[in-house]
């Protein structure tokens, strides 16, 4: 029996911005070694040429090296923010239309994906690691393995209000969207059934 992580209260807001109130912006928030280079290439080759005003915000924890030239990336509207406190990350997520995160084969849980779901933000993933279970393809986000397909899904999240709203509503109803109190009850039930 698997009990997923809980989501912090600041990522469980009920009143979040609508599609038209958000910027044409996506974000990545994880270690750079978790497929950030691949996402940067997808952005530079397939997304930025189509949507030159769209922004890709990258947040990387201080424990993770950032092996890229931030100034060079800025020419493609890739904005490096380093590490953000949780309240600032929640505020950033509420300005974005998607989390662009392939996942990682060694990752058994992904807190930023839960945070995105908590705020109703669709996830575009490759389904690596825990994201194959967390992202419901074409329900709460998309799972795409190849660069062009991935880019097309990101562009869809940035430009198609109907699709975004459908994914957004499903994310807010995701069965893993639970608070600490709800998760504590799940643990109690699991132990009482033994």
N, C-alpha and C. Protein backbone atom coordinates (compact mmCIF):
# COMPACT_ATOMS: atom_id res chain seq x y z
N UNK A 1 0.85 -1.19 0.00
CA UNK A 1 0.00 0.00 0.00
C UNK A 1 0.89 1.24 0.00
N UNK A 2 0.74 2.11 -1.00
CA UNK A 2 1.56 3.32 -1.11
C UNK A 2 0.77 4.52 -0.62
N UNK A 3 1.37 5.28 0.30
CA UNK A 3 0.77 6.54 0.76
C UNK A 3 1.67 7.67 0.29
N UNK A 4 1.19 8.48 -0.64
CA UNK A 4 2.03 9.57 -1.17
C UNK A 4 2.31 10.64 -0.11
N UNK A 5 3.22 11.54 -0.45
CA UNK A 5 3.54 12.67 0.43
C UNK A 5 2.33 13.58 0.58
N UNK A 6 2.34 14.35 1.66
CA UNK A 6 1.34 15.40 1.85
C UNK A 6 1.82 16.67 1.16
N UNK A 7 0.91 17.62 1.02
CA UNK A 7 1.21 18.90 0.38
C UNK A 7 1.07 20.00 1.42
N UNK A 8 2.05 20.91 1.46
CA UNK A 8 2.03 22.01 2.42
C UNK A 8 0.84 22.92 2.16
N UNK A 9 0.30 23.57 3.21
CA UNK A 9 -0.90 24.40 3.06
C UNK A 9 -0.79 25.49 2.00
N UNK A 10 0.37 26.11 1.86
CA UNK A 10 0.51 27.21 0.88
C UNK A 10 0.36 26.72 -0.56
N UNK A 11 0.48 25.40 -0.77
CA UNK A 11 0.30 24.82 -2.11
C UNK A 11 -1.07 24.17 -2.28
N UNK A 12 -1.97 24.45 -1.35
CA UNK A 12 -3.33 23.90 -1.42
C UNK A 12 -4.36 25.02 -1.45
N UNK A 13 -4.02 26.12 -2.05
CA UNK A 13 -4.95 27.24 -2.13
C UNK A 13 -6.14 26.87 -3.03
N UNK A 14 -7.31 27.31 -2.60
CA UNK A 14 -8.51 27.03 -3.38
C UNK A 14 -8.73 28.09 -4.46
N UNK A 15 -8.36 29.32 -4.16
CA UNK A 15 -8.59 30.44 -5.08
C UNK A 15 -7.28 30.75 -5.81
N UNK A 16 -7.11 30.17 -6.99
CA UNK A 16 -5.87 30.36 -7.75
C UNK A 16 -6.18 31.09 -9.05
N UNK A 17 -5.18 31.74 -9.64
CA UNK A 17 -5.43 32.50 -10.88
C UNK A 17 -5.93 31.63 -12.02
N UNK A 18 -6.78 32.22 -12.83
CA UNK A 18 -7.29 31.55 -14.03
C UNK A 18 -6.27 31.67 -15.16
N UNK A 19 -6.57 30.99 -16.26
CA UNK A 19 -5.66 30.96 -17.42
C UNK A 19 -5.28 32.37 -17.87
N UNK A 20 -6.27 33.22 -18.07
CA UNK A 20 -6.02 34.57 -18.60
C UNK A 20 -5.25 35.45 -17.62
N UNK A 21 -5.28 35.09 -16.33
CA UNK A 21 -4.58 35.87 -15.31
C UNK A 21 -3.13 35.45 -15.15
N UNK A 22 -2.75 34.38 -15.78
CA UNK A 22 -1.37 33.87 -15.68
C UNK A 22 -0.53 34.37 -16.85
N UNK A 23 0.76 34.41 -16.63
CA UNK A 23 1.66 34.79 -17.71
C UNK A 23 1.86 33.61 -18.65
N UNK A 24 2.40 33.89 -19.82
CA UNK A 24 2.76 32.81 -20.74
C UNK A 24 4.11 32.29 -20.25
N UNK A 25 4.03 31.46 -19.21
CA UNK A 25 5.23 31.07 -18.45
C UNK A 25 5.09 29.64 -17.95
N UNK A 26 6.21 28.91 -17.98
CA UNK A 26 6.30 27.58 -17.40
C UNK A 26 7.49 27.58 -16.44
N UNK A 27 7.59 26.53 -15.62
CA UNK A 27 8.71 26.48 -14.68
C UNK A 27 9.25 25.07 -14.50
N UNK A 28 10.48 25.01 -14.05
CA UNK A 28 11.19 23.78 -13.67
C UNK A 28 11.75 24.06 -12.29
N UNK A 29 11.56 23.16 -11.34
CA UNK A 29 12.11 23.35 -10.00
C UNK A 29 12.61 22.01 -9.47
N UNK A 30 13.90 21.77 -9.67
CA UNK A 30 14.52 20.54 -9.20
C UNK A 30 16.03 20.67 -9.38
N UNK A 31 16.74 19.59 -9.15
CA UNK A 31 18.19 19.58 -9.39
C UNK A 31 18.44 19.67 -10.89
N UNK A 32 19.47 20.38 -11.27
CA UNK A 32 19.79 20.52 -12.69
C UNK A 32 20.10 19.18 -13.33
N UNK A 33 20.61 18.23 -12.54
CA UNK A 33 20.97 16.91 -13.08
C UNK A 33 19.73 16.08 -13.42
N UNK A 34 18.56 16.56 -13.07
CA UNK A 34 17.34 15.80 -13.34
C UNK A 34 16.69 16.25 -14.65
N UNK A 35 17.47 16.10 -15.71
CA UNK A 35 17.00 16.30 -17.10
C UNK A 35 16.72 17.75 -17.47
N UNK A 36 17.31 18.71 -16.74
CA UNK A 36 17.12 20.11 -17.10
C UNK A 36 17.74 20.41 -18.47
N UNK A 37 18.91 19.83 -18.76
CA UNK A 37 19.57 20.08 -20.05
C UNK A 37 18.64 19.71 -21.21
N UNK A 38 17.94 18.59 -21.07
CA UNK A 38 17.03 18.13 -22.12
C UNK A 38 15.88 19.13 -22.30
N UNK A 39 15.30 19.60 -21.19
CA UNK A 39 14.19 20.54 -21.28
C UNK A 39 14.65 21.86 -21.89
N UNK A 40 15.86 22.30 -21.54
CA UNK A 40 16.41 23.53 -22.13
C UNK A 40 16.53 23.38 -23.64
N UNK A 41 16.99 22.23 -24.10
CA UNK A 41 17.11 22.00 -25.54
C UNK A 41 15.75 21.99 -26.23
N UNK A 42 14.77 21.36 -25.58
CA UNK A 42 13.40 21.37 -26.14
C UNK A 42 12.92 22.81 -26.25
N UNK A 43 13.14 23.59 -25.21
CA UNK A 43 12.70 24.99 -25.21
C UNK A 43 13.38 25.78 -26.34
N UNK A 44 14.69 25.65 -26.41
CA UNK A 44 15.44 26.45 -27.40
C UNK A 44 15.10 26.05 -28.83
N UNK A 45 14.95 24.75 -29.08
CA UNK A 45 14.73 24.28 -30.46
C UNK A 45 13.28 24.39 -30.93
N UNK A 46 12.32 24.12 -30.04
CA UNK A 46 10.95 23.94 -30.50
C UNK A 46 9.91 24.89 -29.90
N UNK A 47 10.19 25.45 -28.73
CA UNK A 47 9.16 26.27 -28.08
C UNK A 47 9.45 27.76 -28.26
N UNK A 48 10.66 28.18 -27.92
CA UNK A 48 11.01 29.61 -28.03
C UNK A 48 10.83 30.16 -29.45
N UNK A 49 11.20 29.41 -30.50
CA UNK A 49 10.98 29.95 -31.85
C UNK A 49 9.49 30.17 -32.18
N UNK A 50 8.61 29.39 -31.57
CA UNK A 50 7.17 29.51 -31.83
C UNK A 50 6.53 30.57 -30.93
N UNK A 51 6.99 30.62 -29.67
CA UNK A 51 6.45 31.56 -28.68
C UNK A 51 7.59 32.39 -28.09
N UNK A 52 8.12 33.35 -28.85
CA UNK A 52 9.31 34.08 -28.40
C UNK A 52 9.11 34.91 -27.14
N UNK A 53 7.87 35.23 -26.79
CA UNK A 53 7.62 36.02 -25.58
C UNK A 53 7.36 35.15 -24.35
N UNK A 54 7.19 33.86 -24.54
CA UNK A 54 6.95 32.97 -23.40
C UNK A 54 8.21 32.85 -22.55
N UNK A 55 8.00 32.62 -21.25
CA UNK A 55 9.12 32.52 -20.30
C UNK A 55 9.22 31.11 -19.73
N UNK A 56 10.45 30.70 -19.51
CA UNK A 56 10.75 29.43 -18.87
C UNK A 56 11.58 29.76 -17.64
N UNK A 57 10.99 29.62 -16.45
CA UNK A 57 11.66 29.95 -15.19
C UNK A 57 12.27 28.68 -14.61
N UNK A 58 13.54 28.76 -14.24
CA UNK A 58 14.28 27.62 -13.70
C UNK A 58 14.68 27.91 -12.27
N UNK A 59 14.26 27.03 -11.36
CA UNK A 59 14.64 27.12 -9.95
C UNK A 59 15.43 25.86 -9.60
N UNK A 60 16.63 26.06 -9.07
CA UNK A 60 17.52 24.95 -8.75
C UNK A 60 18.01 25.14 -7.32
N UNK A 61 17.96 24.09 -6.49
CA UNK A 61 18.42 24.24 -5.09
C UNK A 61 19.92 24.55 -5.02
N UNK A 62 20.34 25.21 -3.93
CA UNK A 62 21.76 25.58 -3.80
C UNK A 62 22.70 24.37 -3.77
N UNK A 63 22.19 23.20 -3.38
CA UNK A 63 23.03 22.00 -3.33
C UNK A 63 23.31 21.42 -4.71
N UNK A 64 22.63 21.95 -5.74
CA UNK A 64 22.78 21.43 -7.09
C UNK A 64 23.58 22.39 -7.96
N UNK A 65 24.66 21.92 -8.57
CA UNK A 65 25.40 22.80 -9.49
C UNK A 65 24.50 23.22 -10.66
N UNK A 66 24.71 24.43 -11.14
CA UNK A 66 23.97 24.93 -12.30
C UNK A 66 24.99 25.12 -13.42
N UNK A 67 25.18 24.11 -14.29
CA UNK A 67 26.26 24.12 -15.28
C UNK A 67 25.91 24.85 -16.58
N UNK A 68 25.13 25.91 -16.48
CA UNK A 68 24.70 26.64 -17.68
C UNK A 68 25.04 28.12 -17.52
N UNK A 69 25.15 28.80 -18.64
CA UNK A 69 25.40 30.24 -18.65
C UNK A 69 24.04 30.94 -18.59
N UNK A 70 23.72 31.52 -17.42
CA UNK A 70 22.40 32.13 -17.22
C UNK A 70 22.16 33.28 -18.20
N UNK A 71 23.19 34.04 -18.53
CA UNK A 71 23.02 35.15 -19.48
C UNK A 71 22.68 34.64 -20.87
N UNK A 72 23.35 33.58 -21.29
CA UNK A 72 23.07 33.00 -22.61
C UNK A 72 21.65 32.43 -22.66
N UNK A 73 21.22 31.82 -21.55
CA UNK A 73 19.86 31.27 -21.51
C UNK A 73 18.82 32.37 -21.58
N UNK A 74 19.11 33.51 -20.98
CA UNK A 74 18.16 34.62 -20.96
C UNK A 74 17.81 35.09 -22.38
N UNK A 75 18.72 34.89 -23.32
CA UNK A 75 18.44 35.25 -24.72
C UNK A 75 17.29 34.42 -25.30
N UNK A 76 17.00 33.29 -24.65
CA UNK A 76 15.89 32.41 -25.07
C UNK A 76 14.71 32.51 -24.10
N UNK A 77 14.70 33.55 -23.28
CA UNK A 77 13.67 33.74 -22.25
C UNK A 77 13.65 32.61 -21.23
N UNK A 78 14.83 32.06 -20.95
CA UNK A 78 14.99 31.09 -19.86
C UNK A 78 15.58 31.88 -18.69
N UNK A 79 14.80 31.98 -17.62
CA UNK A 79 15.15 32.85 -16.50
C UNK A 79 15.56 32.01 -15.29
N UNK A 80 16.83 32.11 -14.92
CA UNK A 80 17.36 31.34 -13.79
C UNK A 80 17.11 32.10 -12.49
N UNK A 81 16.38 31.47 -11.57
CA UNK A 81 16.02 32.11 -10.29
C UNK A 81 16.74 31.50 -9.10
N UNK A 82 17.53 30.46 -9.31
CA UNK A 82 18.18 29.81 -8.18
C UNK A 82 17.16 29.09 -7.31
N UNK A 83 17.34 29.18 -6.00
CA UNK A 83 16.43 28.54 -5.06
C UNK A 83 15.47 29.58 -4.48
N UNK A 84 14.20 29.21 -4.35
CA UNK A 84 13.21 30.13 -3.81
C UNK A 84 12.63 29.57 -2.51
N UNK A 85 12.37 30.45 -1.52
CA UNK A 85 11.62 29.99 -0.34
C UNK A 85 10.23 29.49 -0.78
N UNK A 86 9.63 28.65 0.03
CA UNK A 86 8.37 28.01 -0.38
C UNK A 86 7.26 29.01 -0.69
N UNK A 87 7.16 30.11 0.07
CA UNK A 87 6.09 31.06 -0.21
C UNK A 87 6.31 31.74 -1.56
N UNK A 88 7.58 32.01 -1.90
CA UNK A 88 7.88 32.61 -3.21
C UNK A 88 7.67 31.60 -4.33
N UNK A 89 7.98 30.32 -4.06
CA UNK A 89 7.75 29.28 -5.07
C UNK A 89 6.25 29.14 -5.34
N UNK A 90 5.43 29.17 -4.29
CA UNK A 90 3.98 29.09 -4.47
C UNK A 90 3.48 30.27 -5.30
N UNK A 91 4.01 31.47 -5.01
CA UNK A 91 3.61 32.66 -5.78
C UNK A 91 4.03 32.52 -7.24
N UNK A 92 5.25 31.98 -7.48
CA UNK A 92 5.71 31.76 -8.86
C UNK A 92 4.80 30.77 -9.58
N UNK A 93 4.51 29.64 -8.94
CA UNK A 93 3.68 28.61 -9.57
C UNK A 93 2.33 29.20 -9.99
N UNK A 94 1.80 30.11 -9.18
CA UNK A 94 0.51 30.72 -9.49
C UNK A 94 0.57 31.70 -10.66
N UNK A 95 1.77 31.97 -11.17
CA UNK A 95 1.89 32.79 -12.38
C UNK A 95 2.12 31.94 -13.62
N UNK A 96 2.31 30.62 -13.43
CA UNK A 96 2.71 29.72 -14.52
C UNK A 96 1.54 28.91 -15.06
N UNK A 97 1.72 28.44 -16.29
CA UNK A 97 0.70 27.60 -16.92
C UNK A 97 1.07 26.13 -16.95
N UNK A 98 2.32 25.80 -16.59
CA UNK A 98 2.72 24.39 -16.54
C UNK A 98 4.02 24.22 -15.79
N UNK A 99 4.16 23.05 -15.18
CA UNK A 99 5.45 22.57 -14.68
C UNK A 99 6.03 21.72 -15.79
N UNK A 100 7.24 22.06 -16.25
CA UNK A 100 7.91 21.25 -17.27
C UNK A 100 9.03 20.47 -16.58
N UNK A 101 8.74 19.23 -16.32
CA UNK A 101 9.67 18.40 -15.57
C UNK A 101 9.56 16.95 -16.05
N UNK A 102 10.60 16.45 -16.74
CA UNK A 102 10.55 15.08 -17.25
C UNK A 102 10.42 14.02 -16.16
N UNK A 103 10.90 14.35 -14.96
CA UNK A 103 11.04 13.35 -13.91
C UNK A 103 12.43 12.77 -13.98
N UNK A 104 12.72 11.85 -13.07
CA UNK A 104 14.04 11.20 -13.05
C UNK A 104 13.87 9.76 -12.63
N UNK A 105 14.60 8.88 -13.28
CA UNK A 105 14.44 7.45 -13.07
C UNK A 105 14.65 7.04 -11.61
N UNK A 106 15.50 7.79 -10.87
CA UNK A 106 15.80 7.43 -9.48
C UNK A 106 14.90 8.15 -8.48
N UNK A 107 13.90 8.86 -8.95
CA UNK A 107 13.07 9.66 -8.05
C UNK A 107 11.81 8.89 -7.68
N UNK A 108 11.66 8.60 -6.39
CA UNK A 108 10.49 7.85 -5.93
C UNK A 108 9.36 8.76 -5.46
N UNK A 109 9.63 10.04 -5.34
CA UNK A 109 8.62 11.02 -4.96
C UNK A 109 9.02 12.37 -5.51
N UNK A 110 8.08 13.19 -5.88
CA UNK A 110 8.41 14.49 -6.47
C UNK A 110 7.55 15.56 -5.82
N UNK A 111 8.14 16.26 -4.86
CA UNK A 111 7.38 17.25 -4.10
C UNK A 111 6.91 18.40 -4.98
N UNK A 112 7.75 18.86 -5.91
CA UNK A 112 7.32 20.00 -6.74
C UNK A 112 6.14 19.63 -7.64
N UNK A 113 6.08 18.38 -8.06
CA UNK A 113 4.93 17.95 -8.86
C UNK A 113 3.66 17.97 -8.00
N UNK A 114 3.76 17.53 -6.75
CA UNK A 114 2.60 17.61 -5.85
C UNK A 114 2.22 19.07 -5.60
N UNK A 115 3.22 19.94 -5.47
CA UNK A 115 2.93 21.36 -5.25
C UNK A 115 2.21 21.96 -6.45
N UNK A 116 2.63 21.57 -7.64
CA UNK A 116 1.96 22.05 -8.85
C UNK A 116 0.51 21.55 -8.89
N UNK A 117 0.32 20.28 -8.60
CA UNK A 117 -1.03 19.71 -8.57
C UNK A 117 -1.88 20.42 -7.52
N UNK A 118 -1.28 20.69 -6.36
CA UNK A 118 -2.00 21.37 -5.30
C UNK A 118 -2.56 22.71 -5.73
N UNK A 119 -1.84 23.38 -6.64
CA UNK A 119 -2.26 24.69 -7.14
C UNK A 119 -2.95 24.59 -8.50
N UNK A 120 -3.19 23.37 -8.95
CA UNK A 120 -3.94 23.18 -10.19
C UNK A 120 -3.15 23.46 -11.45
N UNK A 121 -1.84 23.32 -11.39
CA UNK A 121 -0.99 23.60 -12.56
C UNK A 121 -0.66 22.29 -13.27
N UNK A 122 -0.98 22.18 -14.56
CA UNK A 122 -0.68 20.96 -15.31
C UNK A 122 0.83 20.66 -15.35
N UNK A 123 1.14 19.39 -15.51
CA UNK A 123 2.55 18.94 -15.56
C UNK A 123 2.80 18.32 -16.92
N UNK A 124 3.89 18.74 -17.57
CA UNK A 124 4.34 18.10 -18.81
C UNK A 124 5.58 17.31 -18.45
N UNK A 125 5.51 16.01 -18.59
CA UNK A 125 6.53 15.09 -18.09
C UNK A 125 6.89 14.06 -19.15
N UNK A 126 7.97 13.35 -18.88
CA UNK A 126 8.30 12.16 -19.68
C UNK A 126 7.86 10.89 -18.96
N UNK A 127 7.33 11.06 -17.74
CA UNK A 127 6.86 9.89 -16.99
C UNK A 127 7.97 9.11 -16.33
N UNK A 128 9.14 9.72 -16.14
CA UNK A 128 10.23 9.02 -15.46
C UNK A 128 9.98 8.98 -13.96
N UNK A 129 10.42 7.90 -13.31
CA UNK A 129 10.30 7.80 -11.87
C UNK A 129 8.86 7.88 -11.41
N UNK A 130 8.64 8.63 -10.33
CA UNK A 130 7.31 8.71 -9.73
C UNK A 130 6.29 9.42 -10.60
N UNK A 131 6.74 10.18 -11.60
CA UNK A 131 5.79 10.94 -12.41
C UNK A 131 4.93 10.05 -13.31
N UNK A 132 5.36 8.82 -13.56
CA UNK A 132 4.51 7.92 -14.34
C UNK A 132 3.24 7.58 -13.57
N UNK A 133 3.28 7.65 -12.24
CA UNK A 133 2.10 7.41 -11.42
C UNK A 133 1.36 8.70 -11.08
N UNK A 134 2.08 9.78 -10.95
CA UNK A 134 1.49 11.04 -10.51
C UNK A 134 0.76 11.79 -11.62
N UNK A 135 1.35 11.79 -12.82
CA UNK A 135 0.74 12.51 -13.94
C UNK A 135 -0.21 11.56 -14.67
N UNK A 136 -1.45 11.97 -14.78
CA UNK A 136 -2.45 11.20 -15.54
C UNK A 136 -2.48 11.83 -16.94
N UNK A 137 -1.99 11.09 -17.93
CA UNK A 137 -1.85 11.63 -19.28
C UNK A 137 -3.18 12.14 -19.82
N UNK A 138 -3.14 13.37 -20.29
CA UNK A 138 -4.30 14.05 -20.88
C UNK A 138 -5.44 14.25 -19.88
N UNK A 139 -5.11 14.14 -18.59
CA UNK A 139 -6.09 14.41 -17.53
C UNK A 139 -5.57 15.50 -16.62
N UNK A 140 -4.38 15.27 -16.01
CA UNK A 140 -3.77 16.30 -15.14
C UNK A 140 -2.50 16.89 -15.78
N UNK A 141 -2.19 16.42 -16.94
CA UNK A 141 -0.98 16.87 -17.64
C UNK A 141 -0.73 15.94 -18.81
N UNK A 142 0.52 15.92 -19.23
CA UNK A 142 0.88 15.10 -20.37
C UNK A 142 2.17 14.34 -20.10
N UNK A 143 2.25 13.14 -20.67
CA UNK A 143 3.49 12.35 -20.66
C UNK A 143 3.91 12.19 -22.11
N UNK A 144 5.04 12.76 -22.44
CA UNK A 144 5.59 12.70 -23.80
C UNK A 144 7.09 12.43 -23.70
N UNK A 145 7.57 11.50 -24.50
CA UNK A 145 8.98 11.10 -24.41
C UNK A 145 9.88 11.80 -25.42
N UNK A 146 9.36 12.15 -26.59
CA UNK A 146 10.24 12.74 -27.61
C UNK A 146 10.15 14.27 -27.56
N UNK A 147 11.20 14.90 -28.05
CA UNK A 147 11.32 16.36 -27.94
C UNK A 147 10.18 17.11 -28.60
N UNK A 148 9.84 16.75 -29.82
CA UNK A 148 8.80 17.48 -30.53
C UNK A 148 7.42 17.29 -29.90
N UNK A 149 7.13 16.08 -29.48
CA UNK A 149 5.87 15.83 -28.81
C UNK A 149 5.78 16.56 -27.49
N UNK A 150 6.90 16.58 -26.76
CA UNK A 150 6.96 17.29 -25.48
C UNK A 150 6.71 18.79 -25.71
N UNK A 151 7.41 19.34 -26.70
CA UNK A 151 7.25 20.77 -27.01
C UNK A 151 5.82 21.09 -27.39
N UNK A 152 5.20 20.24 -28.18
CA UNK A 152 3.82 20.48 -28.60
C UNK A 152 2.88 20.54 -27.40
N UNK A 153 3.12 19.69 -26.40
CA UNK A 153 2.27 19.68 -25.20
C UNK A 153 2.51 20.94 -24.35
N UNK A 154 3.76 21.38 -24.26
CA UNK A 154 4.05 22.61 -23.52
C UNK A 154 3.35 23.79 -24.21
N UNK A 155 3.47 23.86 -25.52
CA UNK A 155 2.82 24.94 -26.29
C UNK A 155 1.31 24.89 -26.09
N UNK A 156 0.75 23.69 -26.05
CA UNK A 156 -0.69 23.53 -25.83
C UNK A 156 -1.08 24.12 -24.46
N UNK A 157 -0.30 23.82 -23.43
CA UNK A 157 -0.59 24.36 -22.09
C UNK A 157 -0.48 25.89 -22.07
N UNK A 158 0.43 26.43 -22.85
CA UNK A 158 0.64 27.87 -22.87
C UNK A 158 -0.41 28.63 -23.68
N UNK A 159 -1.03 27.96 -24.63
CA UNK A 159 -1.88 28.70 -25.58
C UNK A 159 -3.34 28.26 -25.66
N UNK A 160 -3.65 27.04 -25.25
CA UNK A 160 -5.00 26.51 -25.43
C UNK A 160 -5.76 26.57 -24.11
N UNK A 161 -6.59 27.59 -23.97
CA UNK A 161 -7.30 27.79 -22.70
C UNK A 161 -8.21 26.63 -22.36
N UNK A 162 -8.91 26.06 -23.34
CA UNK A 162 -9.82 24.95 -23.06
C UNK A 162 -9.08 23.75 -22.50
N UNK A 163 -7.96 23.40 -23.13
CA UNK A 163 -7.17 22.27 -22.66
C UNK A 163 -6.62 22.57 -21.26
N UNK A 164 -6.06 23.77 -21.09
CA UNK A 164 -5.48 24.13 -19.80
C UNK A 164 -6.54 24.06 -18.70
N UNK A 165 -7.72 24.58 -18.94
CA UNK A 165 -8.77 24.58 -17.93
C UNK A 165 -9.20 23.16 -17.56
N UNK A 166 -9.25 22.28 -18.56
CA UNK A 166 -9.60 20.88 -18.29
C UNK A 166 -8.56 20.21 -17.40
N UNK A 167 -7.27 20.41 -17.73
CA UNK A 167 -6.18 19.84 -16.94
C UNK A 167 -6.15 20.45 -15.54
N UNK A 168 -6.38 21.76 -15.46
CA UNK A 168 -6.39 22.49 -14.20
C UNK A 168 -7.47 21.94 -13.26
N UNK A 169 -8.68 21.80 -13.77
CA UNK A 169 -9.78 21.29 -12.94
C UNK A 169 -9.48 19.87 -12.45
N UNK A 170 -8.94 19.04 -13.32
CA UNK A 170 -8.61 17.66 -12.93
C UNK A 170 -7.49 17.64 -11.89
N UNK A 171 -6.53 18.54 -12.01
CA UNK A 171 -5.44 18.60 -11.02
C UNK A 171 -5.99 18.95 -9.65
N UNK A 172 -6.95 19.88 -9.60
CA UNK A 172 -7.53 20.28 -8.32
C UNK A 172 -8.36 19.15 -7.70
N UNK A 173 -8.70 18.12 -8.50
CA UNK A 173 -9.44 16.96 -8.00
C UNK A 173 -8.55 15.72 -7.87
N UNK A 174 -7.24 15.88 -8.08
CA UNK A 174 -6.32 14.74 -8.07
C UNK A 174 -6.39 14.01 -6.72
N UNK A 175 -6.44 12.67 -6.74
CA UNK A 175 -6.54 11.92 -5.48
C UNK A 175 -5.32 12.08 -4.57
N UNK A 176 -4.19 12.52 -5.10
CA UNK A 176 -3.00 12.71 -4.27
C UNK A 176 -2.91 14.13 -3.71
N UNK A 177 -3.89 14.97 -3.98
CA UNK A 177 -3.91 16.36 -3.51
C UNK A 177 -4.47 16.38 -2.09
N UNK A 178 -3.60 16.11 -1.12
CA UNK A 178 -4.04 15.99 0.27
C UNK A 178 -3.11 16.75 1.21
N UNK A 179 -3.72 17.26 2.27
CA UNK A 179 -2.98 18.02 3.29
C UNK A 179 -2.27 17.06 4.25
N UNK A 180 -1.48 17.63 5.17
CA UNK A 180 -0.82 16.82 6.20
C UNK A 180 -1.85 16.09 7.07
N UNK A 181 -2.94 16.78 7.44
CA UNK A 181 -3.96 16.15 8.28
C UNK A 181 -4.62 14.97 7.56
N UNK A 182 -4.92 15.15 6.28
CA UNK A 182 -5.53 14.06 5.50
C UNK A 182 -4.57 12.89 5.38
N UNK A 183 -3.29 13.16 5.15
CA UNK A 183 -2.30 12.08 5.05
C UNK A 183 -2.13 11.36 6.39
N UNK A 184 -2.19 12.11 7.50
CA UNK A 184 -2.08 11.48 8.82
C UNK A 184 -3.22 10.48 9.02
N UNK A 185 -4.42 10.84 8.57
CA UNK A 185 -5.56 9.91 8.66
C UNK A 185 -5.33 8.67 7.80
N UNK A 186 -4.72 8.87 6.61
CA UNK A 186 -4.40 7.72 5.75
C UNK A 186 -3.45 6.76 6.46
N UNK A 187 -2.45 7.32 7.15
CA UNK A 187 -1.50 6.48 7.89
C UNK A 187 -2.20 5.75 9.04
N UNK A 188 -3.07 6.45 9.76
CA UNK A 188 -3.80 5.81 10.85
C UNK A 188 -4.64 4.64 10.33
N UNK A 189 -5.35 4.87 9.23
CA UNK A 189 -6.17 3.80 8.65
C UNK A 189 -5.32 2.61 8.23
N UNK A 190 -4.15 2.91 7.63
CA UNK A 190 -3.27 1.83 7.18
C UNK A 190 -2.79 0.97 8.35
N UNK A 191 -2.44 1.61 9.47
CA UNK A 191 -1.95 0.86 10.63
C UNK A 191 -3.09 0.13 11.34
N UNK A 192 -4.27 0.71 11.39
CA UNK A 192 -5.40 0.08 12.05
C UNK A 192 -5.89 -1.14 11.30
N UNK A 193 -5.65 -1.20 9.98
CA UNK A 193 -6.09 -2.34 9.19
C UNK A 193 -5.18 -3.54 9.32
N UNK A 194 -4.01 -3.36 9.93
CA UNK A 194 -3.06 -4.48 10.05
C UNK A 194 -3.42 -5.38 11.22
